[in-house]
Amino acid sequence: MAEPPDHPLRRMRRLRGLSQEQLAAFVGVSTKTIYNIERDVHVPNVKLLANLAQVLGCKPGRIAQPWWFREWHQLNPRQMTEPPTREEVAEAGNGPWWDDPEDPGAAG
């Protein structure tokens, strides 16, 4: 079974070239807090989320979005009411759904 992609916060932090220690210092929290957010052990409050987004230069939703949400978010209405075709199932198996070449925060 494949592991889920990196937490969005981790991807954005790495994309900006920041360590957990640096990001923690910028937003005024402990390194352990950043570590726990990235492991989905701790959910940041709205104020911390806004501070993280400001430091990382992105919208808060970009780093708060659970790893599984993108799959559901990108469904079209037909996919929500009808079962997938054989071709859609086969295509879904051709690679990780979280890799998106046009998304700067995507895994890979």
PDB file of N, CA and C in Angstrom:
ATOM      1  N   MET A   1       0.845  -1.183   0.000  1.00  0.00           N
ATOM      2  CA  MET A   1       0.000   0.000   0.000  1.00  0.00           C
ATOM      3  C   MET A   1       0.889   1.243   0.000  1.00  0.00           C
ATOM      4  N   ALA A   2       0.609   2.163  -0.896  1.00  0.00           N
ATOM      5  CA  ALA A   2       1.416   3.381  -1.004  1.00  0.00           C
ATOM      6  C   ALA A   2       1.136   4.311   0.164  1.00  0.00           C
ATOM      7  N   GLU A   3       2.166   5.004   0.579  1.00  0.00           N
ATOM      8  CA  GLU A   3       1.993   5.982   1.646  1.00  0.00           C
ATOM      9  C   GLU A   3       1.357   7.239   1.074  1.00  0.00           C
ATOM     10  N   PRO A   4       0.602   7.983   1.888  1.00  0.00           N
ATOM     11  CA  PRO A   4       0.033   9.237   1.400  1.00  0.00           C
ATOM     12  C   PRO A   4       1.156  10.223   1.107  1.00  0.00           C
ATOM     13  N   PRO A   5       0.872  11.225   0.287  1.00  0.00           N
ATOM     14  CA  PRO A   5       1.897  12.221  -0.029  1.00  0.00           C
ATOM     15  C   PRO A   5       2.251  13.049   1.196  1.00  0.00           C
ATOM     16  N   ASP A   6       3.323  13.794   1.078  1.00  0.00           N
ATOM     17  CA  ASP A   6       3.706  14.697   2.157  1.00  0.00           C
ATOM     18  C   ASP A   6       2.555  15.618   2.525  1.00  0.00           C
ATOM     19  N   HIS A   7       2.513  16.001   3.782  1.00  0.00           N
ATOM     20  CA  HIS A   7       1.536  16.986   4.246  1.00  0.00           C
ATOM     21  C   HIS A   7       1.757  18.277   3.454  1.00  0.00           C
ATOM     22  N   PRO A   8       0.691  18.979   3.089  1.00  0.00           N
ATOM     23  CA  PRO A   8       0.851  20.224   2.334  1.00  0.00           C
ATOM     24  C   PRO A   8       1.781  21.233   3.015  1.00  0.00           C
ATOM     25  N   LEU A   9       1.752  21.293   4.340  1.00  0.00           N
ATOM     26  CA  LEU A   9       2.645  22.220   5.043  1.00  0.00           C
ATOM     27  C   LEU A   9       4.098  21.833   4.802  1.00  0.00           C
ATOM     28  N   ARG A  10       4.402  20.561   4.877  1.00  0.00           N
ATOM     29  CA  ARG A  10       5.773  20.096   4.649  1.00  0.00           C
ATOM     30  C   ARG A  10       6.225  20.424   3.225  1.00  0.00           C
ATOM     31  N   ARG A  11       5.354  20.166   2.247  1.00  0.00           N
ATOM     32  CA  ARG A  11       5.710  20.466   0.852  1.00  0.00           C
ATOM     33  C   ARG A  11       5.991  21.948   0.657  1.00  0.00           C
ATOM     34  N   MET A  12       5.116  22.799   1.199  1.00  0.00           N
ATOM     35  CA  MET A  12       5.304  24.243   1.021  1.00  0.00           C
ATOM     36  C   MET A  12       6.546  24.719   1.770  1.00  0.00           C
ATOM     37  N   ARG A  13       6.794  24.182   2.944  1.00  0.00           N
ATOM     38  CA  ARG A  13       7.982  24.564   3.719  1.00  0.00           C
ATOM     39  C   ARG A  13       9.243  24.201   2.950  1.00  0.00           C
ATOM     40  N   ARG A  14       9.277  22.998   2.430  1.00  0.00           N
ATOM     41  CA  ARG A  14      10.445  22.553   1.662  1.00  0.00           C
ATOM     42  C   ARG A  14      10.594  23.348   0.370  1.00  0.00           C
ATOM     43  N   LEU A  15       9.474  23.645  -0.267  1.00  0.00           N
ATOM     44  CA  LEU A  15       9.498  24.437  -1.496  1.00  0.00           C
ATOM     45  C   LEU A  15      10.130  25.806  -1.247  1.00  0.00           C
ATOM     46  N   ARG A  16       9.904  26.346  -0.057  1.00  0.00           N
ATOM     47  CA  ARG A  16      10.466  27.658   0.302  1.00  0.00           C
ATOM     48  C   ARG A  16      11.872  27.540   0.889  1.00  0.00           C
ATOM     49  N   GLY A  17      12.359  26.308   1.025  1.00  0.00           N
ATOM     50  CA  GLY A  17      13.719  26.102   1.527  1.00  0.00           C
ATOM     51  C   GLY A  17      13.880  26.340   3.015  1.00  0.00           C
ATOM     52  N   LEU A  18      12.806  26.118   3.773  1.00  0.00           N
ATOM     53  CA  LEU A  18      12.847  26.351   5.217  1.00  0.00           C
ATOM     54  C   LEU A  18      12.914  25.035   5.984  1.00  0.00           C
ATOM     55  N   SER A  19      13.645  25.044   7.083  1.00  0.00           N
ATOM     56  CA  SER A  19      13.640  23.900   7.994  1.00  0.00           C
ATOM     57  C   SER A  19      12.441  24.047   8.933  1.00  0.00           C
ATOM     58  N   GLN A  20      12.136  22.992   9.655  1.00  0.00           N
ATOM     59  CA  GLN A  20      11.068  23.084  10.655  1.00  0.00           C
ATOM     60  C   GLN A  20      11.428  24.123  11.708  1.00  0.00           C
ATOM     61  N   GLU A  21      12.695  24.165  12.083  1.00  0.00           N
ATOM     62  CA  GLU A  21      13.155  25.125  13.094  1.00  0.00           C
ATOM     63  C   GLU A  21      12.964  26.561  12.617  1.00  0.00           C
ATOM     64  N   GLN A  22      13.316  26.824  11.362  1.00  0.00           N
ATOM     65  CA  GLN A  22      13.174  28.178  10.820  1.00  0.00           C
ATOM     66  C   GLN A  22      11.710  28.593  10.746  1.00  0.00           C
ATOM     67  N   LEU A  23      10.863  27.708  10.236  1.00  0.00           N
ATOM     68  CA  LEU A  23       9.442  28.032  10.130  1.00  0.00           C
ATOM     69  C   LEU A  23       8.843  28.267  11.511  1.00  0.00           C
ATOM     70  N   ALA A  24       9.202  27.427  12.464  1.00  0.00           N
ATOM     71  CA  ALA A  24       8.700  27.586  13.833  1.00  0.00           C
ATOM     72  C   ALA A  24       9.096  28.947  14.396  1.00  0.00           C
ATOM     73  N   ALA A  25      10.338  29.355  14.167  1.00  0.00           N
ATOM     74  CA  ALA A  25      10.803  30.652  14.669  1.00  0.00           C
ATOM     75  C   ALA A  25      10.049  31.802  14.006  1.00  0.00           C
ATOM     76  N   PHE A  26       9.791  31.693  12.716  1.00  0.00           N
ATOM     77  CA  PHE A  26       9.082  32.758  11.996  1.00  0.00           C
ATOM     78  C   PHE A  26       7.658  32.951  12.508  1.00  0.00           C
ATOM     79  N   VAL A  27       6.989  31.864  12.892  1.00  0.00           N
ATOM     80  CA  VAL A  27       5.590  31.977  13.328  1.00  0.00           C
ATOM     81  C   VAL A  27       5.420  31.955  14.838  1.00  0.00           C
ATOM     82  N   GLY A  28       6.513  31.775  15.575  1.00  0.00           N
ATOM     83  CA  GLY A  28       6.451  31.858  17.034  1.00  0.00           C
ATOM     84  C   GLY A  28       5.894  30.637  17.737  1.00  0.00           C
ATOM     85  N   VAL A  29       6.189  29.458  17.207  1.00  0.00           N
ATOM     86  CA  VAL A  29       5.774  28.215  17.865  1.00  0.00           C
ATOM     87  C   VAL A  29       6.995  27.312  18.010  1.00  0.00           C
ATOM     88  N   SER A  30       6.825  26.200  18.696  1.00  0.00           N
ATOM     89  CA  SER A  30       7.941  25.264  18.855  1.00  0.00           C
ATOM     90  C   SER A  30       8.126  24.434  17.584  1.00  0.00           C
ATOM     91  N   THR A  31       9.323  23.920  17.434  1.00  0.00           N
ATOM     92  CA  THR A  31       9.609  23.015  16.315  1.00  0.00           C
ATOM     93  C   THR A  31       8.710  21.785  16.400  1.00  0.00           C
ATOM     94  N   LYS A  32       8.441  21.336  17.622  1.00  0.00           N
ATOM     95  CA  LYS A  32       7.579  20.167  17.815  1.00  0.00           C
ATOM     96  C   LYS A  32       6.175  20.426  17.261  1.00  0.00           C
ATOM     97  N   THR A  33       5.688  21.658  17.390  1.00  0.00           N
ATOM     98  CA  THR A  33       4.364  21.986  16.851  1.00  0.00           C
ATOM     99  C   THR A  33       4.353  21.811  15.335  1.00  0.00           C
ATOM    100  N   ILE A  34       5.370  22.330  14.657  1.00  0.00           N
ATOM    101  CA  ILE A  34       5.453  22.184  13.199  1.00  0.00           C
ATOM    102  C   ILE A  34       5.541  20.698  12.836  1.00  0.00           C
ATOM    103  N   TYR A  35       6.391  19.980  13.546  1.00  0.00           N
ATOM    104  CA  TYR A  35       6.557  18.542  13.322  1.00  0.00           C
ATOM    105  C   TYR A  35       5.212  17.821  13.461  1.00  0.00           C
ATOM    106  N   ASN A  36       4.463  18.141  14.506  1.00  0.00           N
ATOM    107  CA  ASN A  36       3.177  17.477  14.746  1.00  0.00           C
ATOM    108  C   ASN A  36       2.118  17.861  13.717  1.00  0.00           C
ATOM    109  N   ILE A  37       2.143  19.090  13.242  1.00  0.00           N
ATOM    110  CA  ILE A  37       1.205  19.488  12.183  1.00  0.00           C
ATOM    111  C   ILE A  37       1.506  18.678  10.924  1.00  0.00           C
ATOM    112  N   GLU A  38       2.783  18.578  10.592  1.00  0.00           N
ATOM    113  CA  GLU A  38       3.182  17.854   9.386  1.00  0.00           C
ATOM    114  C   GLU A  38       2.884  16.359   9.474  1.00  0.00           C
ATOM    115  N   ARG A  39       2.741  15.836  10.659  1.00  0.00           N
ATOM    116  CA  ARG A  39       2.393  14.419  10.860  1.00  0.00           C
ATOM    117  C   ARG A  39       0.888  14.224  11.069  1.00  0.00           C
ATOM    118  N   ASP A  40       0.108  15.291  10.967  1.00  0.00           N
ATOM    119  CA  ASP A  40      -1.343  15.251  11.204  1.00  0.00           C
ATOM    120  C   ASP A  40      -1.688  14.851  12.624  1.00  0.00           C
ATOM    121  N   VAL A  41      -0.802  15.183  13.573  1.00  0.00           N
ATOM    122  CA  VAL A  41      -1.051  14.928  14.989  1.00  0.00           C
ATOM    123  C   VAL A  41      -1.686  16.160  15.623  1.00  0.00           C
ATOM    124  N   HIS A  42      -1.356  17.329  15.102  1.00  0.00           N
ATOM    125  CA  HIS A  42      -1.846  18.597  15.638  1.00  0.00           C
ATOM    126  C   HIS A  42      -2.502  19.380  14.506  1.00  0.00           C
ATOM    127  N   VAL A  43      -3.663  19.950  14.776  1.00  0.00           N
ATOM    128  CA  VAL A  43      -4.346  20.792  13.796  1.00  0.00           C
ATOM    129  C   VAL A  43      -4.155  22.241  14.228  1.00  0.00           C
ATOM    130  N   PRO A  44      -3.567  23.074  13.359  1.00  0.00           N
ATOM    131  CA  PRO A  44      -3.326  24.466  13.753  1.00  0.00           C
ATOM    132  C   PRO A  44      -4.630  25.248  13.887  1.00  0.00           C
ATOM    133  N   ASN A  45      -4.644  26.189  14.843  1.00  0.00           N
ATOM    134  CA  ASN A  45      -5.811  27.060  14.954  1.00  0.00           C
ATOM    135  C   ASN A  45      -5.766  28.080  13.814  1.00  0.00           C
ATOM    136  N   VAL A  46      -6.813  28.857  13.680  1.00  0.00           N
ATOM    137  CA  VAL A  46      -6.941  29.792  12.566  1.00  0.00           C
ATOM    138  C   VAL A  46      -5.810  30.817  12.557  1.00  0.00           C
ATOM    139  N   LYS A  47      -5.446  31.330  13.722  1.00  0.00           N
ATOM    140  CA  LYS A  47      -4.384  32.334  13.789  1.00  0.00           C
ATOM    141  C   LYS A  47      -3.047  31.748  13.333  1.00  0.00           C
ATOM    142  N   LEU A  48      -2.708  30.561  13.818  1.00  0.00           N
ATOM    143  CA  LEU A  48      -1.455  29.922  13.417  1.00  0.00           C
ATOM    144  C   LEU A  48      -1.478  29.591  11.930  1.00  0.00           C
ATOM    145  N   LEU A  49      -2.596  29.116  11.446  1.00  0.00           N
ATOM    146  CA  LEU A  49      -2.726  28.798  10.029  1.00  0.00           C
ATOM    147  C   LEU A  49      -2.490  30.044   9.173  1.00  0.00           C
ATOM    148  N   ALA A  50      -3.066  31.170   9.585  1.00  0.00           N
ATOM    149  CA  ALA A  50      -2.866  32.429   8.853  1.00  0.00           C
ATOM    150  C   ALA A  50      -1.398  32.851   8.885  1.00  0.00           C
ATOM    151  N   ASN A  51      -0.747  32.704  10.033  1.00  0.00           N
ATOM    152  CA  ASN A  51       0.676  33.053  10.141  1.00  0.00           C
ATOM    153  C   ASN A  51       1.535  32.149   9.262  1.00  0.00           C
ATOM    154  N   LEU A  52       1.259  30.864   9.272  1.00  0.00           N
ATOM    155  CA  LEU A  52       2.005  29.925   8.432  1.00  0.00           C
ATOM    156  C   LEU A  52       1.845  30.281   6.953  1.00  0.00           C
ATOM    157  N   ALA A  53       0.611  30.556   6.557  1.00  0.00           N
ATOM    158  CA  ALA A  53       0.349  30.900   5.158  1.00  0.00           C
ATOM    159  C   ALA A  53       1.073  32.182   4.760  1.00  0.00           C
ATOM    160  N   GLN A  54       1.090  33.162   5.647  1.00  0.00           N
ATOM    161  CA  GLN A  54       1.768  34.423   5.346  1.00  0.00           C
ATOM    162  C   GLN A  54       3.268  34.191   5.150  1.00  0.00           C
ATOM    163  N   VAL A  55       3.884  33.438   6.045  1.00  0.00           N
ATOM    164  CA  VAL A  55       5.324  33.157   5.943  1.00  0.00           C
ATOM    165  C   VAL A  55       5.634  32.357   4.681  1.00  0.00           C
ATOM    166  N   LEU A  56       4.766  31.415   4.332  1.00  0.00           N
ATOM    167  CA  LEU A  56       5.010  30.554   3.179  1.00  0.00           C
ATOM    168  C   LEU A  56       4.534  31.166   1.863  1.00  0.00           C
ATOM    169  N   GLY A  57       3.827  32.298   1.949  1.00  0.00           N
ATOM    170  CA  GLY A  57       3.377  32.980   0.741  1.00  0.00           C
ATOM    171  C   GLY A  57       2.303  32.229  -0.021  1.00  0.00           C
ATOM    172  N   CYS A  58       1.348  31.678   0.715  1.00  0.00           N
ATOM    173  CA  CYS A  58       0.263  30.942   0.069  1.00  0.00           C
ATOM    174  C   CYS A  58      -1.039  31.207   0.818  1.00  0.00           C
ATOM    175  N   LYS A  59      -2.134  30.705   0.282  1.00  0.00           N
ATOM    176  CA  LYS A  59      -3.422  30.829   0.954  1.00  0.00           C
ATOM    177  C   LYS A  59      -3.495  29.800   2.079  1.00  0.00           C
ATOM    178  N   PRO A  60      -4.194  30.117   3.172  1.00  0.00           N
ATOM    179  CA  PRO A  60      -4.295  29.163   4.283  1.00  0.00           C
ATOM    180  C   PRO A  60      -4.833  27.795   3.871  1.00  0.00           C
ATOM    181  N   GLY A  61      -5.787  27.765   2.972  1.00  0.00           N
ATOM    182  CA  GLY A  61      -6.347  26.492   2.533  1.00  0.00           C
ATOM    183  C   GLY A  61      -5.338  25.598   1.842  1.00  0.00           C
ATOM    184  N   ARG A  62      -4.307  26.194   1.313  1.00  0.00           N
ATOM    185  CA  ARG A  62      -3.274  25.435   0.602  1.00  0.00           C
ATOM    186  C   ARG A  62      -2.498  24.521   1.545  1.00  0.00           C
ATOM    187  N   ILE A  63      -2.339  24.946   2.794  1.00  0.00           N
ATOM    188  CA  ILE A  63      -1.578  24.138   3.744  1.00  0.00           C
ATOM    189  C   ILE A  63      -2.463  23.430   4.762  1.00  0.00           C
ATOM    190  N   ALA A  64      -3.741  23.777   4.794  1.00  0.00           N
ATOM    191  CA  ALA A  64      -4.651  23.141   5.752  1.00  0.00           C
ATOM    192  C   ALA A  64      -5.380  21.958   5.139  1.00  0.00           C
ATOM    193  N   GLN A  65      -5.342  21.852   3.836  1.00  0.00           N
ATOM    194  CA  GLN A  65      -6.087  20.827   3.131  1.00  0.00           C
ATOM    195  C   GLN A  65      -5.554  19.433   3.453  1.00  0.00           C
ATOM    196  N   PRO A  66      -6.393  18.541   3.962  1.00  0.00           N
ATOM    197  CA  PRO A  66      -5.933  17.176   4.225  1.00  0.00           C
ATOM    198  C   PRO A  66      -5.455  16.511   2.938  1.00  0.00           C
ATOM    199  N   TRP A  67      -4.541  15.566   3.057  1.00  0.00           N
ATOM    200  CA  TRP A  67      -3.960  14.932   1.870  1.00  0.00           C
ATOM    201  C   TRP A  67      -5.001  14.233   1.013  1.00  0.00           C
ATOM    202  N   TRP A  68      -6.076  13.758   1.625  1.00  0.00           N
ATOM    203  CA  TRP A  68      -7.079  13.015   0.867  1.00  0.00           C
ATOM    204  C   TRP A  68      -8.104  13.918   0.197  1.00  0.00           C
ATOM    205  N   PHE A  69      -8.131  15.211   0.552  1.00  0.00           N
ATOM    206  CA  PHE A  69      -9.187  16.095   0.063  1.00  0.00           C
ATOM    207  C   PHE A  69      -9.101  16.358  -1.432  1.00  0.00           C
ATOM    208  N   ARG A  70      -7.888  16.488  -1.969  1.00  0.00           N
ATOM    209  CA  ARG A  70      -7.758  16.840  -3.380  1.00  0.00           C
ATOM    210  C   ARG A  70      -8.494  15.857  -4.276  1.00  0.00           C
ATOM    211  N   GLU A  71      -8.445  14.581  -3.928  1.00  0.00           N
ATOM    212  CA  GLU A  71      -9.117  13.589  -4.762  1.00  0.00           C
ATOM    213  C   GLU A  71     -10.608  13.910  -4.866  1.00  0.00           C
ATOM    214  N   TRP A  72     -11.250  14.213  -3.764  1.00  0.00           N
ATOM    215  CA  TRP A  72     -12.685  14.512  -3.773  1.00  0.00           C
ATOM    216  C   TRP A  72     -12.961  15.884  -4.350  1.00  0.00           C
ATOM    217  N   HIS A  73     -12.100  16.823  -4.080  1.00  0.00           N
ATOM    218  CA  HIS A  73     -12.262  18.189  -4.566  1.00  0.00           C
ATOM    219  C   HIS A  73     -12.249  18.243  -6.090  1.00  0.00           C
ATOM    220  N   GLN A  74     -11.501  17.362  -6.723  1.00  0.00           N
ATOM    221  CA  GLN A  74     -11.343  17.416  -8.168  1.00  0.00           C
ATOM    222  C   GLN A  74     -12.361  16.563  -8.928  1.00  0.00           C
ATOM    223  N   LEU A  75     -13.300  15.964  -8.243  1.00  0.00           N
ATOM    224  CA  LEU A  75     -14.315  15.169  -8.923  1.00  0.00           C
ATOM    225  C   LEU A  75     -15.267  16.063  -9.695  1.00  0.00           C
ATOM    226  N   ASN A  76     -15.697  15.590 -10.839  1.00  0.00           N
ATOM    227  CA  ASN A  76     -16.732  16.334 -11.550  1.00  0.00           C
ATOM    228  C   ASN A  76     -18.086  15.743 -11.155  1.00  0.00           C
ATOM    229  N   PRO A  77     -19.175  16.450 -11.413  1.00  0.00           N
ATOM    230  CA  PRO A  77     -20.494  15.972 -10.959  1.00  0.00           C
ATOM    231  C   PRO A  77     -20.843  14.569 -11.452  1.00  0.00           C
ATOM    232  N   ARG A  78     -20.457  14.210 -12.680  1.00  0.00           N
ATOM    233  CA  ARG A  78     -20.765  12.877 -13.188  1.00  0.00           C
ATOM    234  C   ARG A  78     -20.098  11.806 -12.333  1.00  0.00           C
ATOM    235  N   GLN A  79     -18.891  12.079 -11.872  1.00  0.00           N
ATOM    236  CA  GLN A  79     -18.182  11.106 -11.060  1.00  0.00           C
ATOM    237  C   GLN A  79     -18.830  10.926  -9.688  1.00  0.00           C
ATOM    238  N   MET A  80     -19.610  11.889  -9.273  1.00  0.00           N
ATOM    239  CA  MET A  80     -20.255  11.786  -7.968  1.00  0.00           C
ATOM    240  C   MET A  80     -21.568  11.018  -8.033  1.00  0.00           C
ATOM    241  N   THR A  81     -22.107  10.811  -9.242  1.00  0.00           N
ATOM    242  CA  THR A  81     -23.400  10.144  -9.358  1.00  0.00           C
ATOM    243  C   THR A  81     -23.340   8.831 -10.126  1.00  0.00           C
ATOM    244  N   GLU A  82     -22.252   8.587 -10.855  1.00  0.00           N
ATOM    245  CA  GLU A  82     -22.128   7.374 -11.651  1.00  0.00           C
ATOM    246  C   GLU A  82     -20.834   6.651 -11.303  1.00  0.00           C
ATOM    247  N   PRO A  83     -20.836   5.332 -11.393  1.00  0.00           N
ATOM    248  CA  PRO A  83     -19.585   4.602 -11.141  1.00  0.00           C
ATOM    249  C   PRO A  83     -18.569   4.916 -12.241  1.00  0.00           C
ATOM    250  N   PRO A  84     -17.289   4.782 -11.947  1.00  0.00           N
ATOM    251  CA  PRO A  84     -16.275   5.064 -12.963  1.00  0.00           C
ATOM    252  C   PRO A  84     -16.301   4.029 -14.086  1.00  0.00           C
ATOM    253  N   THR A  85     -15.877   4.461 -15.261  1.00  0.00           N
ATOM    254  CA  THR A  85     -15.758   3.533 -16.385  1.00  0.00           C
ATOM    255  C   THR A  85     -14.492   2.698 -16.206  1.00  0.00           C
ATOM    256  N   ARG A  86     -14.371   1.636 -16.962  1.00  0.00           N
ATOM    257  CA  ARG A  86     -13.156   0.813 -16.907  1.00  0.00           C
ATOM    258  C   ARG A  86     -11.925   1.647 -17.253  1.00  0.00           C
ATOM    259  N   GLU A  87     -12.072   2.538 -18.225  1.00  0.00           N
ATOM    260  CA  GLU A  87     -10.953   3.378 -18.640  1.00  0.00           C
ATOM    261  C   GLU A  87     -10.516   4.308 -17.509  1.00  0.00           C
ATOM    262  N   GLU A  88     -11.481   4.867 -16.778  1.00  0.00           N
ATOM    263  CA  GLU A  88     -11.148   5.757 -15.664  1.00  0.00           C
ATOM    264  C   GLU A  88     -10.425   5.004 -14.550  1.00  0.00           C
ATOM    265  N   VAL A  89     -10.868   3.779 -14.292  1.00  0.00           N
ATOM    266  CA  VAL A  89     -10.209   2.973 -13.263  1.00  0.00           C
ATOM    267  C   VAL A  89      -8.787   2.648 -13.699  1.00  0.00           C
ATOM    268  N   ALA A  90      -8.625   2.261 -14.962  1.00  0.00           N
ATOM    269  CA  ALA A  90      -7.295   1.936 -15.474  1.00  0.00           C
ATOM    270  C   ALA A  90      -6.389   3.163 -15.433  1.00  0.00           C
ATOM    271  N   GLU A  91      -6.903   4.309 -15.814  1.00  0.00           N
ATOM    272  CA  GLU A  91      -6.111   5.547 -15.806  1.00  0.00           C
ATOM    273  C   GLU A  91      -5.698   5.930 -14.391  1.00  0.00           C
ATOM    274  N   ALA A  92      -6.568   5.711 -13.435  1.00  0.00           N
ATOM    275  CA  ALA A  92      -6.250   6.065 -12.047  1.00  0.00           C
ATOM    276  C   ALA A  92      -5.083   5.250 -11.515  1.00  0.00           C
ATOM    277  N   GLY A  93      -4.862   4.078 -12.073  1.00  0.00           N
ATOM    278  CA  GLY A  93      -3.769   3.234 -11.620  1.00  0.00           C
ATOM    279  C   GLY A  93      -2.438   3.536 -12.284  1.00  0.00           C
ATOM    280  N   ASN A  94      -2.389   4.547 -13.147  1.00  0.00           N
ATOM    281  CA  ASN A  94      -1.160   4.845 -13.881  1.00  0.00           C
ATOM    282  C   ASN A  94      -0.171   5.707 -13.125  1.00  0.00           C
ATOM    283  N   GLY A  95      -0.458   6.068 -11.914  1.00  0.00           N
ATOM    284  CA  GLY A  95       0.485   6.877 -11.145  1.00  0.00           C
ATOM    285  C   GLY A  95      -0.201   7.494  -9.951  1.00  0.00           C
ATOM    286  N   PRO A  96       0.588   8.065  -9.050  1.00  0.00           N
ATOM    287  CA  PRO A  96       0.015   8.694  -7.863  1.00  0.00           C
ATOM    288  C   PRO A  96      -0.917   9.845  -8.233  1.00  0.00           C
ATOM    289  N   TRP A  97      -2.084   9.862  -7.659  1.00  0.00           N
ATOM    290  CA  TRP A  97      -3.051  10.917  -7.959  1.00  0.00           C
ATOM    291  C   TRP A  97      -2.601  12.268  -7.457  1.00  0.00           C
ATOM    292  N   TRP A  98      -1.647  12.290  -6.532  1.00  0.00           N
ATOM    293  CA  TRP A  98      -1.249  13.569  -5.966  1.00  0.00           C
ATOM    294  C   TRP A  98      -0.165  14.264  -6.779  1.00  0.00           C
ATOM    295  N   ASP A  99       0.415  13.609  -7.788  1.00  0.00           N
ATOM    296  CA  ASP A  99       1.408  14.268  -8.634  1.00  0.00           C
ATOM    297  C   ASP A  99       0.692  15.131  -9.657  1.00  0.00           C
ATOM    298  N   ASP A 100       0.950  16.389  -9.647  1.00  0.00           N
ATOM    299  CA  ASP A 100       0.351  17.337 -10.570  1.00  0.00           C
ATOM    300  C   ASP A 100       1.464  18.253 -11.056  1.00  0.00           C
ATOM    301  N   PRO A 101       1.922  18.113 -12.309  1.00  0.00           N
ATOM    302  CA  PRO A 101       3.058  18.897 -12.783  1.00  0.00           C
ATOM    303  C   PRO A 101       2.814  20.402 -12.776  1.00  0.00           C
ATOM    304  N   GLU A 102       1.560  20.828 -12.744  1.00  0.00           N
ATOM    305  CA  GLU A 102       1.274  22.258 -12.733  1.00  0.00           C
ATOM    306  C   GLU A 102       1.117  22.812 -11.324  1.00  0.00           C
ATOM    307  N   ASP A 103       1.265  21.974 -10.314  1.00  0.00           N
ATOM    308  CA  ASP A 103       1.104  22.384  -8.923  1.00  0.00           C
ATOM    309  C   ASP A 103       2.475  22.471  -8.270  1.00  0.00           C
ATOM    310  N   PRO A 104       2.944  23.694  -7.930  1.00  0.00           N
ATOM    311  CA  PRO A 104       4.284  23.825  -7.360  1.00  0.00           C
ATOM    312  C   PRO A 104       4.442  23.136  -6.010  1.00  0.00           C
ATOM    313  N   GLY A 105       3.363  22.834  -5.342  1.00  0.00           N
ATOM    314  CA  GLY A 105       3.454  22.169  -4.049  1.00  0.00           C
ATOM    315  C   GLY A 105       3.225  20.672  -4.127  1.00  0.00           C
ATOM    316  N   ALA A 106       3.066  20.140  -5.338  1.00  0.00           N
ATOM    317  CA  ALA A 106       2.788  18.712  -5.494  1.00  0.00           C
ATOM    318  C   ALA A 106       4.014  17.880  -5.171  1.00  0.00           C
ATOM    319  N   ALA A 107       3.742  16.657  -4.785  1.00  0.00           N
ATOM    320  CA  ALA A 107       4.848  15.726  -4.503  1.00  0.00           C
ATOM    321  C   ALA A 107       5.588  15.425  -5.793  1.00  0.00           C
ATOM    322  N   GLY A 108       6.846  15.064  -5.649  1.00  0.00           N
ATOM    323  CA  GLY A 108       7.594  14.622  -6.819  1.00  0.00           C
ATOM    324  C   GLY A 108       8.611  15.523  -7.291  1.00  0.00           C
TER     325      GLY A 108
END
